[in-house]
Amino acid sequence: MATSRLPPATLTLKQFMRRQQVLLLYRRILQAIREVPNDSDRKYLKDWAREEFKRNKSATEEASPTTEAQDLKEARGIVTTAVRSVSRMDSSLDLVL
């Protein structure tokens, strides 16, 4: 029987694609966080995102492609909504002050 020349840690195509999706989500979250006007809020959100991704780094649960796409869209929507609401709150505070 022929042995594989690939190292044991080589990702399968499915794992590679999943990793790319997660990295894309992380980049999009960081891009959305950059729009937060308040420095302390921006730092908090950036640290939160970093810790969540680190905490889930070893997650191996596989979901169906439809679920994966839906999860990515929901996560991006949540972050974008949070960024917009923080921006609105910051603008409102400027008007009050």
PDB file of N, CA and C in Angstrom:
ATOM      1  N   MET A   1       0.842  -1.182   0.000  1.00  0.00           N
ATOM      2  CA  MET A   1       0.000   0.000   0.000  1.00  0.00           C
ATOM      3  C   MET A   1       0.884   1.240   0.000  1.00  0.00           C
ATOM      4  N   ALA A   2       0.554   2.199  -0.840  1.00  0.00           N
ATOM      5  CA  ALA A   2       1.344   3.424  -0.958  1.00  0.00           C
ATOM      6  C   ALA A   2       1.047   4.342   0.225  1.00  0.00           C
ATOM      7  N   THR A   3       2.084   4.954   0.733  1.00  0.00           N
ATOM      8  CA  THR A   3       1.893   5.912   1.822  1.00  0.00           C
ATOM      9  C   THR A   3       1.852   7.318   1.247  1.00  0.00           C
ATOM     10  N   SER A   4       1.179   8.192   1.941  1.00  0.00           N
ATOM     11  CA  SER A   4       1.041   9.568   1.483  1.00  0.00           C
ATOM     12  C   SER A   4       2.309  10.355   1.788  1.00  0.00           C
ATOM     13  N   ARG A   5       2.668  11.243   0.910  1.00  0.00           N
ATOM     14  CA  ARG A   5       3.822  12.111   1.137  1.00  0.00           C
ATOM     15  C   ARG A   5       3.436  13.351   1.946  1.00  0.00           C
ATOM     16  N   LEU A   6       2.151  13.554   2.115  1.00  0.00           N
ATOM     17  CA  LEU A   6       1.693  14.728   2.852  1.00  0.00           C
ATOM     18  C   LEU A   6       1.926  14.549   4.349  1.00  0.00           C
ATOM     19  N   PRO A   7       2.308  15.634   5.018  1.00  0.00           N
ATOM     20  CA  PRO A   7       2.464  15.538   6.468  1.00  0.00           C
ATOM     21  C   PRO A   7       1.115  15.287   7.137  1.00  0.00           C
ATOM     22  N   PRO A   8       1.113  14.677   8.326  1.00  0.00           N
ATOM     23  CA  PRO A   8      -0.149  14.346   8.986  1.00  0.00           C
ATOM     24  C   PRO A   8      -1.025  15.555   9.307  1.00  0.00           C
ATOM     25  N   ALA A   9      -0.451  16.744   9.424  1.00  0.00           N
ATOM     26  CA  ALA A   9      -1.223  17.925   9.788  1.00  0.00           C
ATOM     27  C   ALA A   9      -1.835  18.634   8.576  1.00  0.00           C
ATOM     28  N   THR A  10      -1.728  18.065   7.401  1.00  0.00           N
ATOM     29  CA  THR A  10      -2.272  18.688   6.207  1.00  0.00           C
ATOM     30  C   THR A  10      -3.792  18.724   6.285  1.00  0.00           C
ATOM     31  N   LEU A  11      -4.360  19.875   5.927  1.00  0.00           N
ATOM     32  CA  LEU A  11      -5.808  20.044   5.976  1.00  0.00           C
ATOM     33  C   LEU A  11      -6.472  19.395   4.765  1.00  0.00           C
ATOM     34  N   THR A  12      -7.660  18.881   4.984  1.00  0.00           N
ATOM     35  CA  THR A  12      -8.449  18.404   3.853  1.00  0.00           C
ATOM     36  C   THR A  12      -9.004  19.629   3.138  1.00  0.00           C
ATOM     37  N   LEU A  13      -9.554  19.416   1.953  1.00  0.00           N
ATOM     38  CA  LEU A  13     -10.127  20.530   1.201  1.00  0.00           C
ATOM     39  C   LEU A  13     -11.245  21.198   1.999  1.00  0.00           C
ATOM     40  N   LYS A  14     -12.080  20.391   2.628  1.00  0.00           N
ATOM     41  CA  LYS A  14     -13.197  20.920   3.411  1.00  0.00           C
ATOM     42  C   LYS A  14     -12.682  21.759   4.588  1.00  0.00           C
ATOM     43  N   GLN A  15     -11.651  21.273   5.275  1.00  0.00           N
ATOM     44  CA  GLN A  15     -11.065  22.014   6.396  1.00  0.00           C
ATOM     45  C   GLN A  15     -10.425  23.310   5.912  1.00  0.00           C
ATOM     46  N   PHE A  16      -9.751  23.238   4.776  1.00  0.00           N
ATOM     47  CA  PHE A  16      -9.113  24.425   4.217  1.00  0.00           C
ATOM     48  C   PHE A  16     -10.149  25.489   3.873  1.00  0.00           C
ATOM     49  N   MET A  17     -11.242  25.071   3.233  1.00  0.00           N
ATOM     50  CA  MET A  17     -12.297  26.014   2.859  1.00  0.00           C
ATOM     51  C   MET A  17     -12.939  26.624   4.106  1.00  0.00           C
ATOM     52  N   ARG A  18     -13.153  25.819   5.124  1.00  0.00           N
ATOM     53  CA  ARG A  18     -13.729  26.310   6.380  1.00  0.00           C
ATOM     54  C   ARG A  18     -12.797  27.340   7.014  1.00  0.00           C
ATOM     55  N   ARG A  19     -11.502  27.059   6.996  1.00  0.00           N
ATOM     56  CA  ARG A  19     -10.515  27.979   7.562  1.00  0.00           C
ATOM     57  C   ARG A  19     -10.539  29.312   6.814  1.00  0.00           C
ATOM     58  N   GLN A  20     -10.648  29.252   5.501  1.00  0.00           N
ATOM     59  CA  GLN A  20     -10.706  30.472   4.703  1.00  0.00           C
ATOM     60  C   GLN A  20     -11.951  31.292   5.035  1.00  0.00           C
ATOM     61  N   GLN A  21     -13.081  30.620   5.252  1.00  0.00           N
ATOM     62  CA  GLN A  21     -14.313  31.309   5.609  1.00  0.00           C
ATOM     63  C   GLN A  21     -14.179  32.004   6.966  1.00  0.00           C
ATOM     64  N   VAL A  22     -13.552  31.315   7.904  1.00  0.00           N
ATOM     65  CA  VAL A  22     -13.372  31.884   9.243  1.00  0.00           C
ATOM     66  C   VAL A  22     -12.437  33.092   9.176  1.00  0.00           C
ATOM     67  N   LEU A  23     -11.369  32.986   8.421  1.00  0.00           N
ATOM     68  CA  LEU A  23     -10.445  34.115   8.278  1.00  0.00           C
ATOM     69  C   LEU A  23     -11.125  35.309   7.602  1.00  0.00           C
ATOM     70  N   LEU A  24     -11.961  35.044   6.612  1.00  0.00           N
ATOM     71  CA  LEU A  24     -12.701  36.108   5.948  1.00  0.00           C
ATOM     72  C   LEU A  24     -13.652  36.791   6.935  1.00  0.00           C
ATOM     73  N   LEU A  25     -14.330  35.999   7.750  1.00  0.00           N
ATOM     74  CA  LEU A  25     -15.225  36.557   8.757  1.00  0.00           C
ATOM     75  C   LEU A  25     -14.444  37.430   9.732  1.00  0.00           C
ATOM     76  N   TYR A  26     -13.297  36.963  10.182  1.00  0.00           N
ATOM     77  CA  TYR A  26     -12.462  37.716  11.127  1.00  0.00           C
ATOM     78  C   TYR A  26     -12.039  39.057  10.523  1.00  0.00           C
ATOM     79  N   ARG A  27     -11.612  39.029   9.263  1.00  0.00           N
ATOM     80  CA  ARG A  27     -11.212  40.269   8.592  1.00  0.00           C
ATOM     81  C   ARG A  27     -12.389  41.236   8.479  1.00  0.00           C
ATOM     82  N   ARG A  28     -13.555  40.720   8.124  1.00  0.00           N
ATOM     83  CA  ARG A  28     -14.733  41.580   7.990  1.00  0.00           C
ATOM     84  C   ARG A  28     -15.151  42.175   9.327  1.00  0.00           C
ATOM     85  N   ILE A  29     -15.041  41.392  10.378  1.00  0.00           N
ATOM     86  CA  ILE A  29     -15.371  41.908  11.714  1.00  0.00           C
ATOM     87  C   ILE A  29     -14.412  43.037  12.075  1.00  0.00           C
ATOM     88  N   LEU A  30     -13.126  42.830  11.840  1.00  0.00           N
ATOM     89  CA  LEU A  30     -12.142  43.873  12.157  1.00  0.00           C
ATOM     90  C   LEU A  30     -12.371  45.125  11.306  1.00  0.00           C
ATOM     91  N   GLN A  31     -12.765  44.952  10.044  1.00  0.00           N
ATOM     92  CA  GLN A  31     -13.063  46.106   9.195  1.00  0.00           C
ATOM     93  C   GLN A  31     -14.261  46.880   9.732  1.00  0.00           C
ATOM     94  N   ALA A  32     -15.266  46.168  10.197  1.00  0.00           N
ATOM     95  CA  ALA A  32     -16.445  46.832  10.761  1.00  0.00           C
ATOM     96  C   ALA A  32     -16.092  47.555  12.052  1.00  0.00           C
ATOM     97  N   ILE A  33     -15.227  46.953  12.853  1.00  0.00           N
ATOM     98  CA  ILE A  33     -14.825  47.559  14.129  1.00  0.00           C
ATOM     99  C   ILE A  33     -14.053  48.855  13.886  1.00  0.00           C
ATOM    100  N   ARG A  34     -13.308  48.931  12.794  1.00  0.00           N
ATOM    101  CA  ARG A  34     -12.548  50.153  12.486  1.00  0.00           C
ATOM    102  C   ARG A  34     -13.446  51.370  12.316  1.00  0.00           C
ATOM    103  N   GLU A  35     -14.723  51.151  12.025  1.00  0.00           N
ATOM    104  CA  GLU A  35     -15.656  52.251  11.821  1.00  0.00           C
ATOM    105  C   GLU A  35     -16.189  52.834  13.130  1.00  0.00           C
ATOM    106  N   VAL A  36     -15.905  52.179  14.247  1.00  0.00           N
ATOM    107  CA  VAL A  36     -16.378  52.676  15.542  1.00  0.00           C
ATOM    108  C   VAL A  36     -15.595  53.940  15.880  1.00  0.00           C
ATOM    109  N   PRO A  37     -16.287  55.038  16.142  1.00  0.00           N
ATOM    110  CA  PRO A  37     -15.589  56.312  16.367  1.00  0.00           C
ATOM    111  C   PRO A  37     -14.873  56.403  17.717  1.00  0.00           C
ATOM    112  N   ASN A  38     -15.393  55.783  18.739  1.00  0.00           N
ATOM    113  CA  ASN A  38     -14.824  55.888  20.078  1.00  0.00           C
ATOM    114  C   ASN A  38     -13.642  54.920  20.221  1.00  0.00           C
ATOM    115  N   ASP A  39     -12.480  55.434  20.618  1.00  0.00           N
ATOM    116  CA  ASP A  39     -11.274  54.608  20.741  1.00  0.00           C
ATOM    117  C   ASP A  39     -11.433  53.477  21.748  1.00  0.00           C
ATOM    118  N   SER A  40     -12.025  53.766  22.907  1.00  0.00           N
ATOM    119  CA  SER A  40     -12.148  52.729  23.930  1.00  0.00           C
ATOM    120  C   SER A  40     -13.123  51.639  23.485  1.00  0.00           C
ATOM    121  N   ASP A  41     -14.212  52.019  22.817  1.00  0.00           N
ATOM    122  CA  ASP A  41     -15.150  51.017  22.295  1.00  0.00           C
ATOM    123  C   ASP A  41     -14.493  50.171  21.214  1.00  0.00           C
ATOM    124  N   ARG A  42     -13.729  50.831  20.349  1.00  0.00           N
ATOM    125  CA  ARG A  42     -13.033  50.114  19.280  1.00  0.00           C
ATOM    126  C   ARG A  42     -12.051  49.107  19.854  1.00  0.00           C
ATOM    127  N   LYS A  43     -11.301  49.511  20.881  1.00  0.00           N
ATOM    128  CA  LYS A  43     -10.344  48.594  21.507  1.00  0.00           C
ATOM    129  C   LYS A  43     -11.062  47.426  22.178  1.00  0.00           C
ATOM    130  N   TYR A  44     -12.182  47.729  22.864  1.00  0.00           N
ATOM    131  CA  TYR A  44     -12.946  46.674  23.526  1.00  0.00           C
ATOM    132  C   TYR A  44     -13.458  45.648  22.511  1.00  0.00           C
ATOM    133  N   LEU A  45     -14.046  46.121  21.418  1.00  0.00           N
ATOM    134  CA  LEU A  45     -14.583  45.220  20.403  1.00  0.00           C
ATOM    135  C   LEU A  45     -13.478  44.404  19.724  1.00  0.00           C
ATOM    136  N   LYS A  46     -12.359  45.040  19.480  1.00  0.00           N
ATOM    137  CA  LYS A  46     -11.238  44.333  18.852  1.00  0.00           C
ATOM    138  C   LYS A  46     -10.720  43.233  19.772  1.00  0.00           C
ATOM    139  N   ASP A  47     -10.560  43.549  21.061  1.00  0.00           N
ATOM    140  CA  ASP A  47     -10.111  42.543  22.035  1.00  0.00           C
ATOM    141  C   ASP A  47     -11.134  41.420  22.164  1.00  0.00           C
ATOM    142  N   TRP A  48     -12.427  41.784  22.162  1.00  0.00           N
ATOM    143  CA  TRP A  48     -13.483  40.778  22.255  1.00  0.00           C
ATOM    144  C   TRP A  48     -13.412  39.822  21.068  1.00  0.00           C
ATOM    145  N   ALA A  49     -13.310  40.367  19.855  1.00  0.00           N
ATOM    146  CA  ALA A  49     -13.254  39.533  18.655  1.00  0.00           C
ATOM    147  C   ALA A  49     -12.035  38.612  18.699  1.00  0.00           C
ATOM    148  N   ARG A  50     -10.896  39.166  19.071  1.00  0.00           N
ATOM    149  CA  ARG A  50      -9.667  38.376  19.124  1.00  0.00           C
ATOM    150  C   ARG A  50      -9.807  37.209  20.119  1.00  0.00           C
ATOM    151  N   GLU A  51     -10.345  37.499  21.303  1.00  0.00           N
ATOM    152  CA  GLU A  51     -10.503  36.458  22.326  1.00  0.00           C
ATOM    153  C   GLU A  51     -11.504  35.384  21.901  1.00  0.00           C
ATOM    154  N   GLU A  52     -12.599  35.793  21.256  1.00  0.00           N
ATOM    155  CA  GLU A  52     -13.600  34.820  20.802  1.00  0.00           C
ATOM    156  C   GLU A  52     -13.000  33.881  19.755  1.00  0.00           C
ATOM    157  N   PHE A  53     -12.235  34.426  18.836  1.00  0.00           N
ATOM    158  CA  PHE A  53     -11.631  33.574  17.820  1.00  0.00           C
ATOM    159  C   PHE A  53     -10.568  32.672  18.425  1.00  0.00           C
ATOM    160  N   LYS A  54      -9.792  33.180  19.368  1.00  0.00           N
ATOM    161  CA  LYS A  54      -8.802  32.335  20.040  1.00  0.00           C
ATOM    162  C   LYS A  54      -9.483  31.223  20.821  1.00  0.00           C
ATOM    163  N   ARG A  55     -10.581  31.572  21.506  1.00  0.00           N
ATOM    164  CA  ARG A  55     -11.283  30.595  22.340  1.00  0.00           C
ATOM    165  C   ARG A  55     -11.854  29.466  21.483  1.00  0.00           C
ATOM    166  N   ASN A  56     -12.276  29.780  20.284  1.00  0.00           N
ATOM    167  CA  ASN A  56     -12.883  28.787  19.400  1.00  0.00           C
ATOM    168  C   ASN A  56     -11.913  28.227  18.366  1.00  0.00           C
ATOM    169  N   LYS A  57     -10.647  28.479  18.558  1.00  0.00           N
ATOM    170  CA  LYS A  57      -9.631  28.050  17.587  1.00  0.00           C
ATOM    171  C   LYS A  57      -9.637  26.545  17.358  1.00  0.00           C
ATOM    172  N   SER A  58      -9.872  25.783  18.399  1.00  0.00           N
ATOM    173  CA  SER A  58      -9.807  24.325  18.273  1.00  0.00           C
ATOM    174  C   SER A  58     -11.165  23.698  17.979  1.00  0.00           C
ATOM    175  N   ALA A  59     -12.177  24.491  17.705  1.00  0.00           N
ATOM    176  CA  ALA A  59     -13.503  23.955  17.395  1.00  0.00           C
ATOM    177  C   ALA A  59     -13.439  23.138  16.110  1.00  0.00           C
ATOM    178  N   THR A  60     -14.063  21.986  16.138  1.00  0.00           N
ATOM    179  CA  THR A  60     -14.009  21.103  14.978  1.00  0.00           C
ATOM    180  C   THR A  60     -15.389  20.759  14.442  1.00  0.00           C
ATOM    181  N   GLU A  61     -16.425  21.333  15.015  1.00  0.00           N
ATOM    182  CA  GLU A  61     -17.787  21.026  14.583  1.00  0.00           C
ATOM    183  C   GLU A  61     -17.978  21.440  13.138  1.00  0.00           C
ATOM    184  N   GLU A  62     -18.473  20.520  12.346  1.00  0.00           N
ATOM    185  CA  GLU A  62     -18.734  20.802  10.942  1.00  0.00           C
ATOM    186  C   GLU A  62     -20.224  21.060  10.762  1.00  0.00           C
ATOM    187  N   ALA A  63     -20.551  22.096  10.046  1.00  0.00           N
ATOM    188  CA  ALA A  63     -21.937  22.415   9.767  1.00  0.00           C
ATOM    189  C   ALA A  63     -22.184  22.273   8.270  1.00  0.00           C
ATOM    190  N   SER A  64     -23.430  22.232   7.893  1.00  0.00           N
ATOM    191  CA  SER A  64     -23.749  22.135   6.471  1.00  0.00           C
ATOM    192  C   SER A  64     -23.369  23.456   5.790  1.00  0.00           C
ATOM    193  N   PRO A  65     -23.095  23.439   4.503  1.00  0.00           N
ATOM    194  CA  PRO A  65     -22.718  24.684   3.808  1.00  0.00           C
ATOM    195  C   PRO A  65     -23.762  25.784   3.950  1.00  0.00           C
ATOM    196  N   THR A  66     -25.030  25.416   3.945  1.00  0.00           N
ATOM    197  CA  THR A  66     -26.088  26.419   4.096  1.00  0.00           C
ATOM    198  C   THR A  66     -26.006  27.066   5.475  1.00  0.00           C
ATOM    199  N   THR A  67     -25.794  26.262   6.494  1.00  0.00           N
ATOM    200  CA  THR A  67     -25.683  26.771   7.865  1.00  0.00           C
ATOM    201  C   THR A  67     -24.447  27.645   8.001  1.00  0.00           C
ATOM    202  N   GLU A  68     -23.353  27.237   7.391  1.00  0.00           N
ATOM    203  CA  GLU A  68     -22.125  28.020   7.459  1.00  0.00           C
ATOM    204  C   GLU A  68     -22.331  29.405   6.866  1.00  0.00           C
ATOM    205  N   ALA A  69     -22.913  29.460   5.695  1.00  0.00           N
ATOM    206  CA  ALA A  69     -23.136  30.749   5.031  1.00  0.00           C
ATOM    207  C   ALA A  69     -24.073  31.620   5.859  1.00  0.00           C
ATOM    208  N   GLN A  70     -25.101  31.005   6.406  1.00  0.00           N
ATOM    209  CA  GLN A  70     -26.049  31.753   7.228  1.00  0.00           C
ATOM    210  C   GLN A  70     -25.367  32.288   8.484  1.00  0.00           C
ATOM    211  N   ASP A  71     -24.537  31.459   9.130  1.00  0.00           N
ATOM    212  CA  ASP A  71     -23.820  31.887  10.333  1.00  0.00           C
ATOM    213  C   ASP A  71     -22.894  33.059  10.044  1.00  0.00           C
ATOM    214  N   LEU A  72     -22.189  33.011   8.915  1.00  0.00           N
ATOM    215  CA  LEU A  72     -21.285  34.096   8.545  1.00  0.00           C
ATOM    216  C   LEU A  72     -22.060  35.395   8.315  1.00  0.00           C
ATOM    217  N   LYS A  73     -23.187  35.302   7.628  1.00  0.00           N
ATOM    218  CA  LYS A  73     -23.997  36.494   7.367  1.00  0.00           C
ATOM    219  C   LYS A  73     -24.557  37.070   8.668  1.00  0.00           C
ATOM    220  N   GLU A  74     -25.023  36.187   9.570  1.00  0.00           N
ATOM    221  CA  GLU A  74     -25.568  36.651  10.840  1.00  0.00           C
ATOM    222  C   GLU A  74     -24.497  37.334  11.680  1.00  0.00           C
ATOM    223  N   ALA A  75     -23.318  36.733  11.755  1.00  0.00           N
ATOM    224  CA  ALA A  75     -22.240  37.312  12.559  1.00  0.00           C
ATOM    225  C   ALA A  75     -21.834  38.672  12.004  1.00  0.00           C
ATOM    226  N   ARG A  76     -21.725  38.766  10.710  1.00  0.00           N
ATOM    227  CA  ARG A  76     -21.359  40.048  10.102  1.00  0.00           C
ATOM    228  C   ARG A  76     -22.448  41.093  10.349  1.00  0.00           C
ATOM    229  N   GLY A  77     -23.708  40.664  10.257  1.00  0.00           N
ATOM    230  CA  GLY A  77     -24.816  41.574  10.514  1.00  0.00           C
ATOM    231  C   GLY A  77     -24.835  42.071  11.947  1.00  0.00           C
ATOM    232  N   ILE A  78     -24.542  41.194  12.888  1.00  0.00           N
ATOM    233  CA  ILE A  78     -24.518  41.583  14.301  1.00  0.00           C
ATOM    234  C   ILE A  78     -23.436  42.622  14.548  1.00  0.00           C
ATOM    235  N   VAL A  79     -22.247  42.378  14.026  1.00  0.00           N
ATOM    236  CA  VAL A  79     -21.145  43.315  14.230  1.00  0.00           C
ATOM    237  C   VAL A  79     -21.438  44.645  13.546  1.00  0.00           C
ATOM    238  N   THR A  80     -21.955  44.602  12.325  1.00  0.00           N
ATOM    239  CA  THR A  80     -22.260  45.836  11.611  1.00  0.00           C
ATOM    240  C   THR A  80     -23.327  46.635  12.344  1.00  0.00           C
ATOM    241  N   THR A  81     -24.350  45.960  12.853  1.00  0.00           N
ATOM    242  CA  THR A  81     -25.400  46.638  13.617  1.00  0.00           C
ATOM    243  C   THR A  81     -24.834  47.262  14.876  1.00  0.00           C
ATOM    244  N   ALA A  82     -23.965  46.521  15.565  1.00  0.00           N
ATOM    245  CA  ALA A  82     -23.350  47.050  16.789  1.00  0.00           C
ATOM    246  C   ALA A  82     -22.508  48.279  16.489  1.00  0.00           C
ATOM    247  N   VAL A  83     -21.757  48.236  15.410  1.00  0.00           N
ATOM    248  CA  VAL A  83     -20.917  49.370  15.032  1.00  0.00           C
ATOM    249  C   VAL A  83     -21.778  50.583  14.717  1.00  0.00           C
ATOM    250  N   ARG A  84     -22.861  50.374  13.979  1.00  0.00           N
ATOM    251  CA  ARG A  84     -23.746  51.487  13.622  1.00  0.00           C
ATOM    252  C   ARG A  84     -24.421  52.081  14.850  1.00  0.00           C
ATOM    253  N   SER A  85     -24.854  51.209  15.785  1.00  0.00           N
ATOM    254  CA  SER A  85     -25.531  51.728  16.973  1.00  0.00           C
ATOM    255  C   SER A  85     -24.555  52.494  17.863  1.00  0.00           C
ATOM    256  N   VAL A  86     -23.323  52.019  17.954  1.00  0.00           N
ATOM    257  CA  VAL A  86     -22.312  52.741  18.730  1.00  0.00           C
ATOM    258  C   VAL A  86     -22.026  54.084  18.075  1.00  0.00           C
ATOM    259  N   SER A  87     -21.965  54.107  16.744  1.00  0.00           N
ATOM    260  CA  SER A  87     -21.723  55.363  16.023  1.00  0.00           C
ATOM    261  C   SER A  87     -22.859  56.345  16.257  1.00  0.00           C
ATOM    262  N   ARG A  88     -24.099  55.844  16.230  1.00  0.00           N
ATOM    263  CA  ARG A  88     -25.252  56.718  16.465  1.00  0.00           C
ATOM    264  C   ARG A  88     -25.249  57.255  17.889  1.00  0.00           C
ATOM    265  N   MET A  89     -24.913  56.382  18.849  1.00  0.00           N
ATOM    266  CA  MET A  89     -24.872  56.819  20.242  1.00  0.00           C
ATOM    267  C   MET A  89     -23.813  57.888  20.426  1.00  0.00           C
ATOM    268  N   ASP A  90     -22.662  57.697  19.782  1.00  0.00           N
ATOM    269  CA  ASP A  90     -21.584  58.666  19.887  1.00  0.00           C
ATOM    270  C   ASP A  90     -22.003  60.001  19.272  1.00  0.00           C
ATOM    271  N   SER A  91     -22.697  59.946  18.140  1.00  0.00           N
ATOM    272  CA  SER A  91     -23.183  61.172  17.492  1.00  0.00           C
ATOM    273  C   SER A  91     -24.213  61.870  18.376  1.00  0.00           C
ATOM    274  N   SER A  92     -25.085  61.103  19.008  1.00  0.00           N
ATOM    275  CA  SER A  92     -26.107  61.666  19.882  1.00  0.00           C
ATOM    276  C   SER A  92     -25.467  62.355  21.078  1.00  0.00           C
ATOM    277  N   LEU A  93     -24.426  61.745  21.605  1.00  0.00           N
ATOM    278  CA  LEU A  93     -23.749  62.339  22.753  1.00  0.00           C
ATOM    279  C   LEU A  93     -23.081  63.651  22.362  1.00  0.00           C
ATOM    280  N   ASP A  94     -22.538  63.711  21.151  1.00  0.00           N
ATOM    281  CA  ASP A  94     -21.932  64.962  20.683  1.00  0.00           C
ATOM    282  C   ASP A  94     -22.963  66.091  20.634  1.00  0.00           C
ATOM    283  N   LEU A  95     -24.174  65.759  20.194  1.00  0.00           N
ATOM    284  CA  LEU A  95     -25.231  66.751  20.096  1.00  0.00           C
ATOM    285  C   LEU A  95     -25.658  67.242  21.489  1.00  0.00           C
ATOM    286  N   VAL A  96     -25.684  66.334  22.456  1.00  0.00           N
ATOM    287  CA  VAL A  96     -26.097  66.685  23.814  1.00  0.00           C
ATOM    288  C   VAL A  96     -25.030  67.545  24.492  1.00  0.00           C
ATOM    289  N   LEU A  97     -23.781  67.179  24.276  1.00  0.00           N
ATOM    290  CA  LEU A  97     -22.685  67.910  24.908  1.00  0.00           C
ATOM    291  C   LEU A  97     -22.512  69.243  24.224  1.00  0.00           C
TER     292      LEU A  97
END
